[in-house]
Amino acid sequence: MFDFRLKVFHTVAKRLSFTKAAADLFITQPAVTRHIQELEQHFKVQLFERQGNQIKLTQQGQVMLQYADQLLSIYRKMEFDLNSFSDHHKGVLQLGASTTISQYVIPFALAEFHKKYKDVNVKLLNGNTEQIEHALINNDIDLGIIEGKSKNKGIKYTEYLKDEIVLVSNINHPFAKKPFITVEELKNIPLLLREAGSGTLDVIAHALKPAGLNFSQLNIEMELGSTEAIKTYLRNSNCMAFLSVHSVFTELTNKVFRIVDIEGLAIERFFYFIERQGASEQLANLFMTFAKQYNLK
């Protein structure tokens, strides 16, 4: 029903890759190109420009993306609300979420979901990203929500929510009042990290590579198994830690922690819904649709 060309544009704009958009939409790359060209001819604008092997949005493309975001959001909400008139949902949804998401992101959506669908019994499994992917493959859960994205061919990944990993310290840290620190200064700061298998850890490692850094060059004071343990440690030390901005919202608001920017380094990622390839669980789809529209409010 919705103009598929706009969905193609939206996917290319988010992925900044015709190849990746084609894979996400299960169509060929020439088909993606054709849909974009049709939109450009219709509106008489250029939506993307090439820079070597990469593409970026033109000014006109950025305007279209703003409207596409709004239109797709409205369409998802309309579809969800209209479908709710004809369906009565009940049963058990086995949900798994990695630590940051289960503690700081999904509880709010779960509470609203329960209000609307009281006959759906949600059971939530908590673990790190590696554990949640393993639980999905083993059919222990119907749907997972993880930090970052691996390359498991047996799993389908769907973007859920954008996140940023930030370097934080307690408010009394000597560097807390600096506008930013350099990559060289980062090497000497005692750091707290999550355990191996954490999605956050994988994303940090990937983001540090362009800056010429790896974990062996950092001053790692301790690895801890949960974000809450790291936050408690931070309150009582001159360490710093890379954490999801969602996990420190309360501490930032209450001026307990402060974000310390790193010159030239930003670490962004998506949280992903994960499903088994080829599987389509009704309650899982219901929850994904609800969670997406809930977090767009």
Protein backbone atom coordinates (compact mmCIF):
# COMPACT_ATOMS: atom_id res chain seq x y z
CA MET A 1 0.00 0.00 0.00
CA PHE A 2 2.76 2.46 0.97
CA ASP A 3 4.83 3.86 -1.94
CA PHE A 4 7.64 1.34 -2.15
CA ARG A 5 9.94 3.85 -3.84
CA LEU A 6 9.90 5.98 -0.71
CA LYS A 7 10.78 2.95 1.40
CA VAL A 8 13.69 2.20 -0.95
CA PHE A 9 14.90 5.79 -0.65
CA HIS A 10 14.59 5.69 3.13
CA THR A 11 16.61 2.46 3.32
CA VAL A 12 19.38 3.79 1.04
CA ALA A 13 19.49 7.06 3.00
CA LYS A 14 19.85 5.22 6.31
CA ARG A 15 22.40 2.68 5.06
CA LEU A 16 24.20 5.03 2.63
CA SER A 17 24.70 2.04 0.38
CA PHE A 18 22.72 0.79 -2.61
CA THR A 19 24.12 -2.70 -2.06
CA LYS A 20 23.13 -2.89 1.62
CA ALA A 21 19.69 -1.42 0.87
CA ALA A 22 19.11 -4.08 -1.80
CA ALA A 23 20.00 -6.83 0.69
CA ASP A 24 17.73 -5.35 3.37
CA LEU A 25 14.78 -5.09 0.97
CA PHE A 26 15.38 -8.42 -0.79
CA ILE A 27 15.55 -6.79 -4.23
CA THR A 28 18.37 -6.35 -6.75
CA GLN A 29 20.74 -3.40 -6.77
CA PRO A 30 19.55 -2.31 -10.27
CA ALA A 31 15.99 -2.26 -8.88
CA VAL A 32 17.13 0.03 -6.06
CA THR A 33 18.81 2.32 -8.59
CA ARG A 34 15.67 2.40 -10.74
CA HIS A 35 13.42 3.35 -7.80
CA ILE A 36 15.76 6.19 -6.80
CA GLN A 37 15.95 7.46 -10.37
CA GLU A 38 12.14 7.46 -10.61
CA LEU A 39 11.91 9.59 -7.47
CA GLU A 40 14.57 11.99 -8.76
CA GLN A 41 12.78 12.32 -12.12
CA HIS A 42 9.41 12.85 -10.43
CA PHE A 43 10.67 15.62 -8.11
CA LYS A 44 13.33 16.90 -10.55
CA VAL A 45 16.08 16.78 -7.90
CA GLN A 46 19.26 14.83 -7.18
CA LEU A 47 18.95 12.87 -3.94
CA PHE A 48 22.45 11.36 -3.62
CA GLU A 49 25.92 12.28 -4.73
CA ARG A 50 28.93 9.99 -5.01
CA GLN A 51 32.25 10.51 -3.23
CA GLY A 52 34.59 7.82 -4.51
CA ASN A 53 33.07 4.50 -3.49
CA GLN A 54 30.66 6.12 -1.05
CA ILE A 55 27.43 8.07 -1.36
CA LYS A 56 25.93 10.86 0.69
CA LEU A 57 22.64 12.73 0.74
CA THR A 58 22.35 15.99 -1.15
CA GLN A 59 20.57 18.93 0.49
CA GLN A 60 17.40 17.87 -1.35
CA GLY A 61 17.93 14.30 -0.16
CA GLN A 62 18.19 15.46 3.44
CA VAL A 63 14.85 17.27 3.12
CA MET A 64 13.22 14.18 1.62
CA LEU A 65 14.62 12.01 4.43
CA GLN A 66 13.00 14.26 7.04
CA TYR A 67 9.60 13.83 5.37
CA ALA A 68 10.16 10.12 4.73
CA ASP A 69 10.85 9.57 8.44
CA GLN A 70 7.58 11.29 9.35
CA LEU A 71 5.52 9.52 6.68
CA LEU A 72 6.84 6.06 7.52
CA SER A 73 6.23 6.69 11.22
CA ILE A 74 2.63 7.77 10.58
CA TYR A 75 2.05 4.79 8.31
CA ARG A 76 3.39 2.32 10.90
CA LYS A 77 1.16 3.80 13.60
CA MET A 78 -1.89 3.79 11.32
CA GLU A 79 -1.32 0.17 10.31
CA PHE A 80 -0.79 -0.92 13.91
CA ASP A 81 -3.85 0.89 15.31
CA LEU A 82 -6.17 -0.30 12.54
CA ASN A 83 -5.00 -3.90 12.86
CA SER A 84 -5.72 -3.82 16.58
CA PHE A 85 -9.47 -3.49 15.88
CA SER A 86 -9.68 -6.88 14.22
CA ASP A 87 -7.21 -8.95 16.23
CA HIS A 88 -7.31 -10.19 19.79
CA HIS A 89 -3.82 -11.20 20.80
CA LYS A 90 -2.99 -13.74 23.51
CA GLY A 91 -0.23 -16.21 24.25
CA VAL A 92 3.38 -16.24 25.46
CA LEU A 93 6.16 -14.14 23.94
CA GLN A 94 9.66 -15.35 24.78
CA LEU A 95 11.77 -12.20 24.53
CA GLY A 96 15.52 -11.84 25.02
CA ALA A 97 17.43 -8.57 25.43
CA SER A 98 21.06 -7.71 25.99
CA THR A 99 21.95 -6.06 29.27
CA THR A 100 21.81 -2.35 28.42
CA ILE A 101 18.52 -2.74 26.56
CA SER A 102 16.84 -4.90 29.18
CA GLN A 103 17.78 -2.52 31.99
CA TYR A 104 17.43 0.95 30.46
CA VAL A 105 15.44 0.84 27.22
CA ILE A 106 12.84 -1.89 26.91
CA PRO A 107 11.11 -1.81 30.35
CA PHE A 108 9.18 1.34 29.39
CA ALA A 109 7.88 -0.19 26.16
CA LEU A 110 7.09 -3.46 27.97
CA ALA A 111 4.95 -1.65 30.54
CA GLU A 112 2.91 0.07 27.81
CA PHE A 113 2.67 -3.15 25.81
CA HIS A 114 1.22 -4.96 28.82
CA LYS A 115 -1.42 -2.26 29.29
CA LYS A 116 -2.60 -2.71 25.71
CA TYR A 117 -2.23 -6.51 25.43
CA LYS A 118 -2.99 -7.93 28.86
CA ASP A 119 -3.48 -11.46 27.49
CA VAL A 120 0.06 -11.62 26.10
CA ASN A 121 2.46 -13.03 28.69
CA VAL A 122 5.98 -11.72 28.05
CA LYS A 123 8.95 -13.59 29.49
CA LEU A 124 12.22 -11.65 29.30
CA LEU A 125 15.64 -13.33 29.19
CA ASN A 126 18.60 -11.09 30.03
CA GLY A 127 22.18 -11.66 28.87
CA ASN A 128 24.96 -10.15 26.77
CA THR A 129 24.63 -9.91 22.99
CA GLU A 130 26.44 -13.20 22.38
CA GLN A 131 24.17 -15.04 24.82
CA ILE A 132 20.98 -13.59 23.33
CA GLU A 133 22.00 -14.60 19.79
CA HIS A 134 22.78 -18.10 21.06
CA ALA A 135 19.38 -18.31 22.79
CA LEU A 136 17.63 -17.30 19.55
CA ILE A 137 19.44 -19.91 17.44
CA ASN A 138 18.58 -22.54 20.08
CA ASN A 139 14.87 -21.56 19.95
CA ASP A 140 14.93 -20.51 23.60
CA ILE A 141 13.44 -17.14 22.63
CA ASP A 142 11.16 -15.94 19.82
CA LEU A 143 12.66 -12.47 19.48
CA GLY A 144 15.86 -10.79 20.65
CA ILE A 145 17.00 -7.20 21.00
CA ILE A 146 20.76 -6.68 20.97
CA GLU A 147 23.48 -4.04 20.90
CA GLY A 148 25.36 -4.01 17.63
CA LYS A 149 25.16 -6.44 14.74
CA SER A 150 27.21 -9.57 14.10
CA LYS A 151 27.35 -11.54 10.85
CA ASN A 152 25.40 -14.63 11.80
CA LYS A 153 23.74 -15.84 8.58
CA GLY A 154 21.02 -17.62 10.53
CA ILE A 155 19.77 -14.35 12.02
CA LYS A 156 17.70 -11.54 10.50
CA TYR A 157 18.60 -8.10 11.90
CA THR A 158 16.10 -5.20 11.95
CA GLU A 159 17.02 -1.71 13.17
CA TYR A 160 15.19 -0.71 16.34
CA LEU A 161 16.66 2.36 17.99
CA LYS A 162 19.73 4.55 17.55
CA ASP A 163 22.22 4.70 20.41
CA GLU A 164 25.46 6.51 21.16
CA ILE A 165 28.27 5.15 23.30
CA VAL A 166 29.88 7.95 25.29
CA LEU A 167 32.92 8.26 27.54
CA VAL A 168 31.76 9.21 31.04
CA SER A 169 33.39 10.09 34.35
CA ASN A 170 32.13 11.19 37.73
CA ILE A 171 31.57 14.92 38.02
CA ASN A 172 34.71 15.42 40.14
CA HIS A 173 37.13 13.83 37.69
CA PRO A 174 40.09 16.14 36.79
CA PHE A 175 39.09 15.97 33.10
CA ALA A 176 35.37 16.53 33.71
CA LYS A 177 35.53 20.24 32.96
CA LYS A 178 37.67 19.95 29.82
CA PRO A 179 35.83 20.63 26.52
CA PHE A 180 37.37 17.45 25.13
CA ILE A 181 40.33 15.08 25.46
CA THR A 182 42.62 13.80 22.73
CA VAL A 183 43.09 10.22 21.62
CA GLU A 184 46.58 10.34 23.14
CA GLU A 185 45.16 11.41 26.51
CA LEU A 186 42.67 8.56 26.33
CA LYS A 187 45.54 6.04 26.32
CA ASN A 188 46.56 7.06 29.83
CA ILE A 189 43.15 7.23 31.50
CA PRO A 190 42.19 4.20 33.66
CA LEU A 191 39.18 2.62 31.97
CA LEU A 192 36.44 0.25 33.00
CA LEU A 193 35.14 -2.12 30.32
CA ARG A 194 32.37 -4.67 29.95
CA GLU A 195 33.16 -8.38 29.70
CA ALA A 196 33.99 -10.27 26.50
CA GLY A 197 30.82 -11.04 24.53
CA SER A 198 29.28 -7.66 25.28
CA GLY A 199 27.84 -5.87 22.24
CA THR A 200 29.09 -2.56 23.64
CA LEU A 201 32.66 -3.88 23.77
CA ASP A 202 32.56 -5.00 20.13
CA VAL A 203 31.28 -1.60 18.95
CA ILE A 204 33.96 0.28 20.91
CA ALA A 205 36.72 -1.90 19.45
CA HIS A 206 35.45 -1.28 15.91
CA ALA A 207 35.18 2.50 16.48
CA LEU A 208 38.72 2.80 17.89
CA LYS A 209 40.38 1.21 14.84
CA PRO A 210 40.19 4.30 12.57
CA ALA A 211 41.86 6.27 15.36
CA GLY A 212 44.72 3.74 15.34
CA LEU A 213 43.83 2.32 18.75
CA ASN A 214 43.17 -1.14 20.08
CA PHE A 215 42.45 -2.36 23.60
CA SER A 216 46.07 -3.37 24.19
CA GLN A 217 47.05 0.32 24.00
CA LEU A 218 44.51 1.41 26.60
CA ASN A 219 44.94 1.55 30.35
CA ILE A 220 42.25 -0.94 31.34
CA GLU A 221 41.81 -1.00 35.10
CA MET A 222 39.08 -3.64 35.27
CA GLU A 223 36.47 -5.59 33.30
CA LEU A 224 33.06 -5.78 34.94
CA GLY A 225 30.05 -7.90 34.07
CA SER A 226 27.32 -5.26 34.15
CA THR A 227 26.69 -1.60 33.45
CA GLU A 228 25.39 -1.08 36.99
CA ALA A 229 28.67 -2.41 38.43
CA ILE A 230 30.61 -0.01 36.20
CA LYS A 231 28.44 2.94 37.23
CA THR A 232 28.87 2.19 40.95
CA TYR A 233 32.65 1.87 40.48
CA LEU A 234 32.75 5.18 38.57
CA ARG A 235 31.10 7.04 41.44
CA ASN A 236 34.05 6.13 43.67
CA SER A 237 37.09 6.33 41.37
CA ASN A 238 38.94 8.45 38.84
CA CYS A 239 38.30 5.90 36.10
CA MET A 240 36.25 6.54 33.00
CA ALA A 241 34.02 4.16 31.04
CA PHE A 242 32.39 3.83 27.64
CA LEU A 243 28.64 3.41 28.23
CA SER A 244 25.40 3.74 26.29
CA VAL A 245 23.97 7.22 26.71
CA HIS A 246 20.63 5.53 27.53
CA SER A 247 22.21 3.89 30.59
CA VAL A 248 23.49 7.12 32.18
CA PHE A 249 20.55 9.44 31.51
CA THR A 250 19.61 9.69 35.20
CA GLU A 251 23.21 10.30 36.34
CA LEU A 252 23.74 13.00 33.70
CA THR A 253 20.46 14.71 34.64
CA ASN A 254 21.40 14.65 38.33
CA LYS A 255 24.94 15.88 37.59
CA VAL A 256 26.57 12.76 39.02
CA PHE A 257 28.34 11.88 35.77
CA ARG A 258 29.61 13.96 32.88
CA ILE A 259 30.23 13.05 29.24
CA VAL A 260 33.85 13.62 28.24
CA ASP A 261 34.12 14.15 24.47
CA ILE A 262 37.04 12.66 22.55
CA GLU A 263 38.39 14.85 19.77
CA GLY A 264 37.48 13.40 16.39
CA LEU A 265 35.75 10.31 17.79
CA ALA A 266 32.02 9.56 17.91
CA ILE A 267 30.64 6.08 18.57
CA GLU A 268 27.14 5.52 17.24
CA ARG A 269 25.26 2.28 16.70
CA PHE A 270 21.79 0.80 16.42
CA PHE A 271 19.98 -1.57 18.70
CA TYR A 272 18.62 -4.42 16.60
CA PHE A 273 15.68 -6.78 16.75
CA ILE A 274 16.86 -10.27 15.85
CA GLU A 275 14.79 -13.16 14.48
CA ARG A 276 15.68 -16.53 13.03
CA GLN A 277 15.94 -16.38 9.25
CA GLY A 278 12.71 -17.63 7.70
CA ALA A 279 10.77 -17.44 10.97
CA SER A 280 7.76 -15.18 11.45
CA GLU A 281 6.21 -15.21 14.92
CA GLN A 282 2.92 -13.30 15.20
CA LEU A 283 3.52 -12.04 18.74
CA ALA A 284 7.12 -11.17 17.93
CA ASN A 285 5.96 -9.06 14.98
CA LEU A 286 3.30 -7.46 17.16
CA PHE A 287 5.84 -6.46 19.78
CA MET A 288 8.34 -5.14 17.20
CA THR A 289 5.67 -2.95 15.63
CA PHE A 290 4.54 -1.68 19.03
CA ALA A 291 8.07 -0.99 20.33
CA LYS A 292 9.01 0.95 17.19
CA GLN A 293 5.99 3.24 17.31
CA TYR A 294 6.27 3.60 21.11
CA ASN A 295 9.86 4.85 20.88
CA LEU A 296 8.94 7.31 18.14
CA LYS A 297 6.62 9.27 20.43
